[in-house]
Amino acid sequence: MHEVSIIQNVIKIVSEKAIENKLTKVNKVSLKIGELSGVMPECLNFAFEICIVDTLLEGSTLEIEKVNAVAECKDCKQKYPIDHFNKLCPCCNKFCSSIISGYELYVNTIEGD
């Protein structure tokens, strides 16, 4: 389960930013996760609850914002939703060459005291 290592990195990043900003407690962490990232939100939530014990994040909540996968056709300039299995432009039926979003995985916001 690579979600544990992802959460461990999130905790490291959030802790460093909290210290930089003189926070003594983190109340909420918000992540943006693309639907093509291969990350399972349920597993992230489970790993988060276990890994935040005895850290600045203990007692905090995790908010996950899903980012839809979207491509843009280089030929007809159409923007359209895609998934792992279908990346064809609905207008000209060509394979997408430009994925605009869907692979994101980052800390979006941190709330604390």
PDB file of N, CA and C in Angstrom:
ATOM      1  N   MET A   1       0.854  -1.182   0.000  1.00  0.00           N
ATOM      2  CA  MET A   1       0.000   0.000   0.000  1.00  0.00           C
ATOM      3  C   MET A   1       0.895   1.239   0.000  1.00  0.00           C
ATOM      4  N   HIS A   2       1.053   1.864  -1.177  1.00  0.00           N
ATOM      5  CA  HIS A   2       1.905   3.043  -1.284  1.00  0.00           C
ATOM      6  C   HIS A   2       1.271   4.275  -0.660  1.00  0.00           C
ATOM      7  N   GLU A   3      -0.002   4.190  -0.291  1.00  0.00           N
ATOM      8  CA  GLU A   3      -0.663   5.321   0.354  1.00  0.00           C
ATOM      9  C   GLU A   3      -0.014   5.677   1.688  1.00  0.00           C
ATOM     10  N   VAL A   4       0.539   4.682   2.385  1.00  0.00           N
ATOM     11  CA  VAL A   4       1.223   4.957   3.664  1.00  0.00           C
ATOM     12  C   VAL A   4       2.435   5.842   3.422  1.00  0.00           C
ATOM     13  N   SER A   5       3.244   5.525   2.423  1.00  0.00           N
ATOM     14  CA  SER A   5       4.424   6.361   2.155  1.00  0.00           C
ATOM     15  C   SER A   5       4.017   7.745   1.661  1.00  0.00           C
ATOM     16  N   ILE A   6       2.914   7.830   0.921  1.00  0.00           N
ATOM     17  CA  ILE A   6       2.418   9.143   0.489  1.00  0.00           C
ATOM     18  C   ILE A   6       2.034   9.970   1.709  1.00  0.00           C
ATOM     19  N   ILE A   7       1.281   9.375   2.629  1.00  0.00           N
ATOM     20  CA  ILE A   7       0.864  10.099   3.841  1.00  0.00           C
ATOM     21  C   ILE A   7       2.066  10.465   4.698  1.00  0.00           C
ATOM     22  N   GLN A   8       3.053   9.595   4.789  1.00  0.00           N
ATOM     23  CA  GLN A   8       4.255   9.936   5.551  1.00  0.00           C
ATOM     24  C   GLN A   8       4.940  11.158   4.960  1.00  0.00           C
ATOM     25  N   ASN A   9       4.970  11.259   3.636  1.00  0.00           N
ATOM     26  CA  ASN A   9       5.543  12.449   2.990  1.00  0.00           C
ATOM     27  C   ASN A   9       4.671  13.674   3.208  1.00  0.00           C
ATOM     28  N   VAL A  10       3.348  13.495   3.175  1.00  0.00           N
ATOM     29  CA  VAL A  10       2.432  14.609   3.447  1.00  0.00           C
ATOM     30  C   VAL A  10       2.671  15.125   4.863  1.00  0.00           C
ATOM     31  N   ILE A  11       2.778  14.233   5.833  1.00  0.00           N
ATOM     32  CA  ILE A  11       3.020  14.631   7.225  1.00  0.00           C
ATOM     33  C   ILE A  11       4.335  15.392   7.344  1.00  0.00           C
ATOM     34  N   LYS A  12       5.359  14.932   6.645  1.00  0.00           N
ATOM     35  CA  LYS A  12       6.658  15.615   6.674  1.00  0.00           C
ATOM     36  C   LYS A  12       6.535  17.026   6.094  1.00  0.00           C
ATOM     37  N   ILE A  13       5.903  17.146   4.946  1.00  0.00           N
ATOM     38  CA  ILE A  13       5.730  18.456   4.293  1.00  0.00           C
ATOM     39  C   ILE A  13       4.905  19.389   5.171  1.00  0.00           C
ATOM     40  N   VAL A  14       3.776  18.901   5.673  1.00  0.00           N
ATOM     41  CA  VAL A  14       2.884  19.726   6.493  1.00  0.00           C
ATOM     42  C   VAL A  14       3.572  20.135   7.791  1.00  0.00           C
ATOM     43  N   SER A  15       4.286  19.225   8.418  1.00  0.00           N
ATOM     44  CA  SER A  15       5.001  19.549   9.662  1.00  0.00           C
ATOM     45  C   SER A  15       6.050  20.634   9.432  1.00  0.00           C
ATOM     46  N   GLU A  16       6.803  20.511   8.342  1.00  0.00           N
ATOM     47  CA  GLU A  16       7.821  21.524   8.024  1.00  0.00           C
ATOM     48  C   GLU A  16       7.178  22.889   7.793  1.00  0.00           C
ATOM     49  N   LYS A  17       6.082  22.914   7.037  1.00  0.00           N
ATOM     50  CA  LYS A  17       5.391  24.179   6.763  1.00  0.00           C
ATOM     51  C   LYS A  17       4.758  24.751   8.033  1.00  0.00           C
ATOM     52  N   ALA A  18       4.236  23.882   8.887  1.00  0.00           N
ATOM     53  CA  ALA A  18       3.648  24.340  10.150  1.00  0.00           C
ATOM     54  C   ALA A  18       4.709  25.004  11.019  1.00  0.00           C
ATOM     55  N   ILE A  19       5.875  24.395  11.122  1.00  0.00           N
ATOM     56  CA  ILE A  19       6.969  24.962  11.919  1.00  0.00           C
ATOM     57  C   ILE A  19       7.435  26.283  11.313  1.00  0.00           C
ATOM     58  N   GLU A  20       7.578  26.329   9.985  1.00  0.00           N
ATOM     59  CA  GLU A  20       7.974  27.570   9.297  1.00  0.00           C
ATOM     60  C   GLU A  20       7.004  28.708   9.603  1.00  0.00           C
ATOM     61  N   ASN A  21       5.732  28.372   9.727  1.00  0.00           N
ATOM     62  CA  ASN A  21       4.695  29.376   9.952  1.00  0.00           C
ATOM     63  C   ASN A  21       4.290  29.500  11.417  1.00  0.00           C
ATOM     64  N   LYS A  22       5.105  28.920  12.296  1.00  0.00           N
ATOM     65  CA  LYS A  22       4.926  29.021  13.756  1.00  0.00           C
ATOM     66  C   LYS A  22       3.576  28.489  14.240  1.00  0.00           C
ATOM     67  N   LEU A  23       3.091  27.427  13.609  1.00  0.00           N
ATOM     68  CA  LEU A  23       1.869  26.771  14.065  1.00  0.00           C
ATOM     69  C   LEU A  23       2.238  25.740  15.129  1.00  0.00           C
ATOM     70  N   THR A  24       1.441  25.651  16.154  1.00  0.00           N
ATOM     71  CA  THR A  24       1.687  24.649  17.201  1.00  0.00           C
ATOM     72  C   THR A  24       0.801  23.428  17.016  1.00  0.00           C
ATOM     73  N   LYS A  25      -0.226  23.570  16.184  1.00  0.00           N
ATOM     74  CA  LYS A  25      -1.154  22.473  15.943  1.00  0.00           C
ATOM     75  C   LYS A  25      -1.731  22.606  14.541  1.00  0.00           C
ATOM     76  N   VAL A  26      -1.853  21.486  13.857  1.00  0.00           N
ATOM     77  CA  VAL A  26      -2.505  21.456  12.550  1.00  0.00           C
ATOM     78  C   VAL A  26      -3.905  20.896  12.752  1.00  0.00           C
ATOM     79  N   ASN A  27      -4.916  21.612  12.246  1.00  0.00           N
ATOM     80  CA  ASN A  27      -6.309  21.192  12.402  1.00  0.00           C
ATOM     81  C   ASN A  27      -6.871  20.479  11.178  1.00  0.00           C
ATOM     82  N   LYS A  28      -6.408  20.899   9.993  1.00  0.00           N
ATOM     83  CA  LYS A  28      -6.935  20.310   8.775  1.00  0.00           C
ATOM     84  C   LYS A  28      -5.897  20.371   7.669  1.00  0.00           C
ATOM     85  N   VAL A  29      -5.834  19.285   6.898  1.00  0.00           N
ATOM     86  CA  VAL A  29      -4.963  19.203   5.731  1.00  0.00           C
ATOM     87  C   VAL A  29      -5.843  18.894   4.532  1.00  0.00           C
ATOM     88  N   SER A  30      -5.649  19.658   3.471  1.00  0.00           N
ATOM     89  CA  SER A  30      -6.419  19.449   2.245  1.00  0.00           C
ATOM     90  C   SER A  30      -5.472  19.000   1.142  1.00  0.00           C
ATOM     91  N   LEU A  31      -5.824  17.887   0.489  1.00  0.00           N
ATOM     92  CA  LEU A  31      -5.033  17.368  -0.625  1.00  0.00           C
ATOM     93  C   LEU A  31      -5.846  17.453  -1.909  1.00  0.00           C
ATOM     94  N   LYS A  32      -5.161  17.676  -3.021  1.00  0.00           N
ATOM     95  CA  LYS A  32      -5.785  17.569  -4.342  1.00  0.00           C
ATOM     96  C   LYS A  32      -5.209  16.313  -4.983  1.00  0.00           C
ATOM     97  N   ILE A  33      -6.129  15.443  -5.422  1.00  0.00           N
ATOM     98  CA  ILE A  33      -5.704  14.166  -5.982  1.00  0.00           C
ATOM     99  C   ILE A  33      -6.422  13.938  -7.304  1.00  0.00           C
ATOM    100  N   GLY A  34      -5.647  13.768  -8.364  1.00  0.00           N
ATOM    101  CA  GLY A  34      -6.208  13.503  -9.682  1.00  0.00           C
ATOM    102  C   GLY A  34      -6.727  12.086  -9.796  1.00  0.00           C
ATOM    103  N   GLU A  35      -7.803  11.925 -10.571  1.00  0.00           N
ATOM    104  CA  GLU A  35      -8.408  10.603 -10.680  1.00  0.00           C
ATOM    105  C   GLU A  35      -7.543   9.618 -11.465  1.00  0.00           C
ATOM    106  N   LEU A  36      -6.485  10.078 -12.110  1.00  0.00           N
ATOM    107  CA  LEU A  36      -5.557   9.185 -12.803  1.00  0.00           C
ATOM    108  C   LEU A  36      -4.287   8.916 -11.989  1.00  0.00           C
ATOM    109  N   SER A  37      -4.221   9.448 -10.776  1.00  0.00           N
ATOM    110  CA  SER A  37      -3.004   9.339  -9.962  1.00  0.00           C
ATOM    111  C   SER A  37      -2.753   7.932  -9.436  1.00  0.00           C
ATOM    112  N   GLY A  38      -3.773   7.098  -9.412  1.00  0.00           N
ATOM    113  CA  GLY A  38      -3.604   5.741  -8.898  1.00  0.00           C
ATOM    114  C   GLY A  38      -3.665   5.650  -7.390  1.00  0.00           C
ATOM    115  N   VAL A  39      -4.091   6.725  -6.740  1.00  0.00           N
ATOM    116  CA  VAL A  39      -4.162   6.765  -5.275  1.00  0.00           C
ATOM    117  C   VAL A  39      -5.604   6.525  -4.852  1.00  0.00           C
ATOM    118  N   MET A  40      -5.778   5.676  -3.844  1.00  0.00           N
ATOM    119  CA  MET A  40      -7.107   5.360  -3.335  1.00  0.00           C
ATOM    120  C   MET A  40      -7.403   6.218  -2.107  1.00  0.00           C
ATOM    121  N   PRO A  41      -8.378   7.138  -2.203  1.00  0.00           N
ATOM    122  CA  PRO A  41      -8.692   8.024  -1.078  1.00  0.00           C
ATOM    123  C   PRO A  41      -9.011   7.283   0.219  1.00  0.00           C
ATOM    124  N   GLU A  42      -9.713   6.149   0.149  1.00  0.00           N
ATOM    125  CA  GLU A  42     -10.050   5.398   1.363  1.00  0.00           C
ATOM    126  C   GLU A  42      -8.784   4.929   2.078  1.00  0.00           C
ATOM    127  N   CYS A  43      -7.809   4.474   1.304  1.00  0.00           N
ATOM    128  CA  CYS A  43      -6.545   4.023   1.883  1.00  0.00           C
ATOM    129  C   CYS A  43      -5.754   5.194   2.460  1.00  0.00           C
ATOM    130  N   LEU A  44      -5.818   6.353   1.792  1.00  0.00           N
ATOM    131  CA  LEU A  44      -5.149   7.551   2.318  1.00  0.00           C
ATOM    132  C   LEU A  44      -5.745   7.946   3.668  1.00  0.00           C
ATOM    133  N   ASN A  45      -7.075   7.936   3.755  1.00  0.00           N
ATOM    134  CA  ASN A  45      -7.727   8.278   5.022  1.00  0.00           C
ATOM    135  C   ASN A  45      -7.317   7.326   6.131  1.00  0.00           C
ATOM    136  N   PHE A  46      -7.271   6.047   5.833  1.00  0.00           N
ATOM    137  CA  PHE A  46      -6.875   5.047   6.820  1.00  0.00           C
ATOM    138  C   PHE A  46      -5.427   5.277   7.264  1.00  0.00           C
ATOM    139  N   ALA A  47      -4.531   5.467   6.299  1.00  0.00           N
ATOM    140  CA  ALA A  47      -3.118   5.701   6.619  1.00  0.00           C
ATOM    141  C   ALA A  47      -2.938   6.995   7.405  1.00  0.00           C
ATOM    142  N   PHE A  48      -3.706   8.024   7.070  1.00  0.00           N
ATOM    143  CA  PHE A  48      -3.622   9.309   7.753  1.00  0.00           C
ATOM    144  C   PHE A  48      -3.931   9.148   9.235  1.00  0.00           C
ATOM    145  N   GLU A  49      -5.034   8.469   9.548  1.00  0.00           N
ATOM    146  CA  GLU A  49      -5.438   8.279  10.949  1.00  0.00           C
ATOM    147  C   GLU A  49      -4.361   7.566  11.761  1.00  0.00           C
ATOM    148  N   ILE A  50      -3.685   6.626  11.160  1.00  0.00           N
ATOM    149  CA  ILE A  50      -2.658   5.862  11.872  1.00  0.00           C
ATOM    150  C   ILE A  50      -1.350   6.654  11.999  1.00  0.00           C
ATOM    151  N   CYS A  51      -0.961   7.322  10.921  1.00  0.00           N
ATOM    152  CA  CYS A  51       0.357   7.959  10.871  1.00  0.00           C
ATOM    153  C   CYS A  51       0.442   9.304  11.594  1.00  0.00           C
ATOM    154  N   ILE A  52      -0.688   9.959  11.891  1.00  0.00           N
ATOM    155  CA  ILE A  52      -0.618  11.282  12.530  1.00  0.00           C
ATOM    156  C   ILE A  52      -0.443  11.209  14.042  1.00  0.00           C
ATOM    157  N   VAL A  53      -0.526  10.017  14.614  1.00  0.00           N
ATOM    158  CA  VAL A  53      -0.368   9.861  16.062  1.00  0.00           C
ATOM    159  C   VAL A  53       1.021  10.371  16.475  1.00  0.00           C
ATOM    160  N   ASP A  54       1.040  11.177  17.551  1.00  0.00           N
ATOM    161  CA  ASP A  54       2.282  11.763  18.093  1.00  0.00           C
ATOM    162  C   ASP A  54       2.983  12.716  17.123  1.00  0.00           C
ATOM    163  N   THR A  55       2.204  13.411  16.269  1.00  0.00           N
ATOM    164  CA  THR A  55       2.770  14.437  15.387  1.00  0.00           C
ATOM    165  C   THR A  55       1.980  15.730  15.593  1.00  0.00           C
ATOM    166  N   LEU A  56       2.406  16.803  14.944  1.00  0.00           N
ATOM    167  CA  LEU A  56       1.668  18.078  14.980  1.00  0.00           C
ATOM    168  C   LEU A  56       0.274  17.932  14.379  1.00  0.00           C
ATOM    169  N   LEU A  57       0.061  16.876  13.609  1.00  0.00           N
ATOM    170  CA  LEU A  57      -1.213  16.676  12.927  1.00  0.00           C
ATOM    171  C   LEU A  57      -2.196  15.836  13.724  1.00  0.00           C
ATOM    172  N   GLU A  58      -1.783  15.325  14.890  1.00  0.00           N
ATOM    173  CA  GLU A  58      -2.675  14.461  15.661  1.00  0.00           C
ATOM    174  C   GLU A  58      -3.984  15.190  15.964  1.00  0.00           C
ATOM    175  N   GLY A  59      -5.105  14.535  15.670  1.00  0.00           N
ATOM    176  CA  GLY A  59      -6.417  15.130  15.881  1.00  0.00           C
ATOM    177  C   GLY A  59      -6.923  15.942  14.702  1.00  0.00           C
ATOM    178  N   SER A  60      -6.118  16.097  13.688  1.00  0.00           N
ATOM    179  CA  SER A  60      -6.535  16.888  12.524  1.00  0.00           C
ATOM    180  C   SER A  60      -7.382  16.048  11.572  1.00  0.00           C
ATOM    181  N   THR A  61      -8.003  16.729  10.620  1.00  0.00           N
ATOM    182  CA  THR A  61      -8.803  16.042   9.619  1.00  0.00           C
ATOM    183  C   THR A  61      -8.134  16.143   8.257  1.00  0.00           C
ATOM    184  N   LEU A  62      -8.426  15.155   7.430  1.00  0.00           N
ATOM    185  CA  LEU A  62      -7.907  15.123   6.074  1.00  0.00           C
ATOM    186  C   LEU A  62      -9.062  15.352   5.116  1.00  0.00           C
ATOM    187  N   GLU A  63      -8.899  16.335   4.252  1.00  0.00           N
ATOM    188  CA  GLU A  63      -9.890  16.622   3.216  1.00  0.00           C
ATOM    189  C   GLU A  63      -9.257  16.306   1.875  1.00  0.00           C
ATOM    190  N   ILE A  64      -9.953  15.514   1.072  1.00  0.00           N
ATOM    191  CA  ILE A  64      -9.430  15.128  -0.234  1.00  0.00           C
ATOM    192  C   ILE A  64     -10.341  15.691  -1.317  1.00  0.00           C
ATOM    193  N   GLU A  65      -9.748  16.504  -2.187  1.00  0.00           N
ATOM    194  CA  GLU A  65     -10.490  17.062  -3.316  1.00  0.00           C
ATOM    195  C   GLU A  65     -10.076  16.314  -4.582  1.00  0.00           C
ATOM    196  N   LYS A  66     -11.035  15.660  -5.216  1.00  0.00           N
ATOM    197  CA  LYS A  66     -10.778  14.907  -6.438  1.00  0.00           C
ATOM    198  C   LYS A  66     -10.669  15.865  -7.614  1.00  0.00           C
ATOM    199  N   VAL A  67      -9.646  15.652  -8.439  1.00  0.00           N
ATOM    200  CA  VAL A  67      -9.460  16.456  -9.647  1.00  0.00           C
ATOM    201  C   VAL A  67      -9.802  15.568 -10.846  1.00  0.00           C
ATOM    202  N   ASN A  68     -10.755  16.008 -11.630  1.00  0.00           N
ATOM    203  CA  ASN A  68     -11.178  15.236 -12.797  1.00  0.00           C
ATOM    204  C   ASN A  68     -10.087  15.202 -13.857  1.00  0.00           C
ATOM    205  N   ALA A  69     -10.043  14.106 -14.594  1.00  0.00           N
ATOM    206  CA  ALA A  69      -9.090  13.954 -15.692  1.00  0.00           C
ATOM    207  C   ALA A  69      -9.670  14.607 -16.942  1.00  0.00           C
ATOM    208  N   VAL A  70      -8.897  15.537 -17.494  1.00  0.00           N
ATOM    209  CA  VAL A  70      -9.340  16.289 -18.672  1.00  0.00           C
ATOM    210  C   VAL A  70      -8.182  16.368 -19.663  1.00  0.00           C
ATOM    211  N   ALA A  71      -8.516  16.203 -20.945  1.00  0.00           N
ATOM    212  CA  ALA A  71      -7.523  16.327 -22.011  1.00  0.00           C
ATOM    213  C   ALA A  71      -7.960  17.420 -22.976  1.00  0.00           C
ATOM    214  N   GLU A  72      -7.006  17.860 -23.806  1.00  0.00           N
ATOM    215  CA  GLU A  72      -7.315  18.815 -24.865  1.00  0.00           C
ATOM    216  C   GLU A  72      -6.765  18.261 -26.163  1.00  0.00           C
ATOM    217  N   CYS A  73      -7.613  18.231 -27.165  1.00  0.00           N
ATOM    218  CA  CYS A  73      -7.208  17.751 -28.484  1.00  0.00           C
ATOM    219  C   CYS A  73      -6.353  18.821 -29.171  1.00  0.00           C
ATOM    220  N   LYS A  74      -5.193  18.441 -29.624  1.00  0.00           N
ATOM    221  CA  LYS A  74      -4.304  19.389 -30.316  1.00  0.00           C
ATOM    222  C   LYS A  74      -4.881  19.812 -31.668  1.00  0.00           C
ATOM    223  N   ASP A  75      -5.688  18.940 -32.275  1.00  0.00           N
ATOM    224  CA  ASP A  75      -6.217  19.239 -33.601  1.00  0.00           C
ATOM    225  C   ASP A  75      -7.439  20.154 -33.562  1.00  0.00           C
ATOM    226  N   CYS A  76      -8.472  19.738 -32.798  1.00  0.00           N
ATOM    227  CA  CYS A  76      -9.715  20.527 -32.813  1.00  0.00           C
ATOM    228  C   CYS A  76      -9.878  21.420 -31.577  1.00  0.00           C
ATOM    229  N   LYS A  77      -8.903  21.384 -30.653  1.00  0.00           N
ATOM    230  CA  LYS A  77      -8.883  22.236 -29.449  1.00  0.00           C
ATOM    231  C   LYS A  77     -10.019  21.947 -28.470  1.00  0.00           C
ATOM    232  N   GLN A  78     -10.701  20.839 -28.637  1.00  0.00           N
ATOM    233  CA  GLN A  78     -11.785  20.428 -27.739  1.00  0.00           C
ATOM    234  C   GLN A  78     -11.194  19.946 -26.417  1.00  0.00           C
ATOM    235  N   LYS A  79     -11.764  20.398 -25.298  1.00  0.00           N
ATOM    236  CA  LYS A  79     -11.419  19.875 -23.979  1.00  0.00           C
ATOM    237  C   LYS A  79     -12.498  18.881 -23.594  1.00  0.00           C
ATOM    238  N   TYR A  80     -12.069  17.719 -23.057  1.00  0.00           N
ATOM    239  CA  TYR A  80     -13.029  16.658 -22.771  1.00  0.00           C
ATOM    240  C   TYR A  80     -12.531  15.764 -21.638  1.00  0.00           C
ATOM    241  N   PRO A  81     -13.460  15.135 -20.913  1.00  0.00           N
ATOM    242  CA  PRO A  81     -13.070  14.228 -19.827  1.00  0.00           C
ATOM    243  C   PRO A  81     -12.493  12.929 -20.390  1.00  0.00           C
ATOM    244  N   ILE A  82     -11.518  12.390 -19.682  1.00  0.00           N
ATOM    245  CA  ILE A  82     -10.902  11.120 -20.073  1.00  0.00           C
ATOM    246  C   ILE A  82     -10.846  10.203 -18.857  1.00  0.00           C
ATOM    247  N   ASP A  83     -10.495   8.949 -19.107  1.00  0.00           N
ATOM    248  CA  ASP A  83     -10.220   8.020 -18.018  1.00  0.00           C
ATOM    249  C   ASP A  83      -9.055   7.136 -18.437  1.00  0.00           C
ATOM    250  N   HIS A  84      -8.747   6.144 -17.611  1.00  0.00           N
ATOM    251  CA  HIS A  84      -7.601   5.274 -17.904  1.00  0.00           C
ATOM    252  C   HIS A  84      -7.745   4.551 -19.237  1.00  0.00           C
ATOM    253  N   PHE A  85      -8.973   4.283 -19.649  1.00  0.00           N
ATOM    254  CA  PHE A  85      -9.198   3.434 -20.808  1.00  0.00           C
ATOM    255  C   PHE A  85      -9.643   4.173 -22.061  1.00  0.00           C
ATOM    256  N   ASN A  86     -10.150   5.376 -21.915  1.00  0.00           N
ATOM    257  CA  ASN A  86     -10.642   6.107 -23.070  1.00  0.00           C
ATOM    258  C   ASN A  86     -10.045   7.505 -23.109  1.00  0.00           C
ATOM    259  N   LYS A  87      -9.170   7.712 -24.064  1.00  0.00           N
ATOM    260  CA  LYS A  87      -8.539   9.015 -24.231  1.00  0.00           C
ATOM    261  C   LYS A  87      -8.735   9.545 -25.652  1.00  0.00           C
ATOM    262  N   LEU A  88      -9.855   9.148 -26.276  1.00  0.00           N
ATOM    263  CA  LEU A  88     -10.147   9.601 -27.632  1.00  0.00           C
ATOM    264  C   LEU A  88     -10.991  10.873 -27.603  1.00  0.00           C
ATOM    265  N   CYS A  89     -10.665  11.796 -28.486  1.00  0.00           N
ATOM    266  CA  CYS A  89     -11.433  13.032 -28.614  1.00  0.00           C
ATOM    267  C   CYS A  89     -12.837  12.693 -29.105  1.00  0.00           C
ATOM    268  N   PRO A  90     -13.868  13.193 -28.431  1.00  0.00           N
ATOM    269  CA  PRO A  90     -15.245  12.894 -28.862  1.00  0.00           C
ATOM    270  C   PRO A  90     -15.631  13.604 -30.168  1.00  0.00           C
ATOM    271  N   CYS A  91     -14.851  14.607 -30.576  1.00  0.00           N
ATOM    272  CA  CYS A  91     -15.177  15.343 -31.808  1.00  0.00           C
ATOM    273  C   CYS A  91     -14.499  14.740 -33.046  1.00  0.00           C
ATOM    274  N   CYS A  92     -13.182  14.528 -32.946  1.00  0.00           N
ATOM    275  CA  CYS A  92     -12.446  14.057 -34.140  1.00  0.00           C
ATOM    276  C   CYS A  92     -11.942  12.628 -33.998  1.00  0.00           C
ATOM    277  N   ASN A  93     -12.185  12.010 -32.837  1.00  0.00           N
ATOM    278  CA  ASN A  93     -11.840  10.601 -32.580  1.00  0.00           C
ATOM    279  C   ASN A  93     -10.338  10.321 -32.623  1.00  0.00           C
ATOM    280  N   LYS A  94      -9.512  11.339 -32.385  1.00  0.00           N
ATOM    281  CA  LYS A  94      -8.068  11.141 -32.320  1.00  0.00           C
ATOM    282  C   LYS A  94      -7.655  10.953 -30.867  1.00  0.00           C
ATOM    283  N   PHE A  95      -6.555  10.226 -30.668  1.00  0.00           N
ATOM    284  CA  PHE A  95      -6.032   9.967 -29.327  1.00  0.00           C
ATOM    285  C   PHE A  95      -5.496  11.269 -28.737  1.00  0.00           C
ATOM    286  N   CYS A  96      -5.806  11.522 -27.457  1.00  0.00           N
ATOM    287  CA  CYS A  96      -5.374  12.783 -26.830  1.00  0.00           C
ATOM    288  C   CYS A  96      -3.857  12.823 -26.719  1.00  0.00           C
ATOM    289  N   SER A  97      -3.318  13.994 -26.937  1.00  0.00           N
ATOM    290  CA  SER A  97      -1.874  14.175 -26.807  1.00  0.00           C
ATOM    291  C   SER A  97      -1.534  15.172 -25.705  1.00  0.00           C
ATOM    292  N   SER A  98      -2.560  15.771 -25.113  1.00  0.00           N
ATOM    293  CA  SER A  98      -2.326  16.765 -24.073  1.00  0.00           C
ATOM    294  C   SER A  98      -3.296  16.553 -22.916  1.00  0.00           C
ATOM    295  N   ILE A  99      -2.786  15.985 -21.827  1.00  0.00           N
ATOM    296  CA  ILE A  99      -3.607  15.798 -20.631  1.00  0.00           C
ATOM    297  C   ILE A  99      -3.449  17.040 -19.767  1.00  0.00           C
ATOM    298  N   ILE A 100      -4.556  17.715 -19.497  1.00  0.00           N
ATOM    299  CA  ILE A 100      -4.546  18.971 -18.749  1.00  0.00           C
ATOM    300  C   ILE A 100      -4.561  18.720 -17.250  1.00  0.00           C
ATOM    301  N   SER A 101      -5.359  17.754 -16.814  1.00  0.00           N
ATOM    302  CA  SER A 101      -5.446  17.457 -15.383  1.00  0.00           C
ATOM    303  C   SER A 101      -5.816  15.998 -15.172  1.00  0.00           C
ATOM    304  N   GLY A 102      -5.547  15.538 -13.940  1.00  0.00           N
ATOM    305  CA  GLY A 102      -5.899  14.174 -13.578  1.00  0.00           C
ATOM    306  C   GLY A 102      -4.793  13.420 -12.881  1.00  0.00           C
ATOM    307  N   TYR A 103      -3.556  13.922 -12.961  1.00  0.00           N
ATOM    308  CA  TYR A 103      -2.428  13.260 -12.312  1.00  0.00           C
ATOM    309  C   TYR A 103      -1.955  13.983 -11.045  1.00  0.00           C
ATOM    310  N   GLU A 104      -2.691  15.004 -10.614  1.00  0.00           N
ATOM    311  CA  GLU A 104      -2.287  15.799  -9.449  1.00  0.00           C
ATOM    312  C   GLU A 104      -2.217  14.936  -8.183  1.00  0.00           C
ATOM    313  N   LEU A 105      -1.299  15.313  -7.313  1.00  0.00           N
ATOM    314  CA  LEU A 105      -1.207  14.740  -5.967  1.00  0.00           C
ATOM    315  C   LEU A 105      -0.358  15.708  -5.155  1.00  0.00           C
ATOM    316  N   TYR A 106      -1.047  16.636  -4.457  1.00  0.00           N
ATOM    317  CA  TYR A 106      -0.303  17.615  -3.676  1.00  0.00           C
ATOM    318  C   TYR A 106      -1.110  18.157  -2.507  1.00  0.00           C
ATOM    319  N   VAL A 107      -0.361  18.740  -1.553  1.00  0.00           N
ATOM    320  CA  VAL A 107      -0.986  19.407  -0.400  1.00  0.00           C
ATOM    321  C   VAL A 107      -1.527  20.730  -0.914  1.00  0.00           C
ATOM    322  N   ASN A 108      -2.825  20.943  -0.743  1.00  0.00           N
ATOM    323  CA  ASN A 108      -3.449  22.164  -1.217  1.00  0.00           C
ATOM    324  C   ASN A 108      -3.468  23.238  -0.135  1.00  0.00           C
ATOM    325  N   THR A 109      -3.997  22.896   1.050  1.00  0.00           N
ATOM    326  CA  THR A 109      -4.047  23.858   2.154  1.00  0.00           C
ATOM    327  C   THR A 109      -3.741  23.180   3.484  1.00  0.00           C
ATOM    328  N   ILE A 110      -3.308  24.002   4.421  1.00  0.00           N
ATOM    329  CA  ILE A 110      -3.052  23.565   5.794  1.00  0.00           C
ATOM    330  C   ILE A 110      -3.719  24.585   6.709  1.00  0.00           C
ATOM    331  N   GLU A 111      -4.528  24.103   7.650  1.00  0.00           N
ATOM    332  CA  GLU A 111      -5.147  24.987   8.632  1.00  0.00           C
ATOM    333  C   GLU A 111      -4.637  24.603  10.003  1.00  0.00           C
ATOM    334  N   GLY A 112      -4.311  25.609  10.817  1.00  0.00           N
ATOM    335  CA  GLY A 112      -3.812  25.322  12.156  1.00  0.00           C
ATOM    336  C   GLY A 112      -3.854  26.519  13.070  1.00  0.00           C
ATOM    337  N   ASP A 113      -3.345  26.282  14.291  1.00  0.00           N
ATOM    338  CA  ASP A 113      -3.287  27.342  15.314  1.00  0.00           C
ATOM    339  C   ASP A 113      -1.836  27.696  15.598  1.00  0.00           C
TER     340      ASP A 113
END
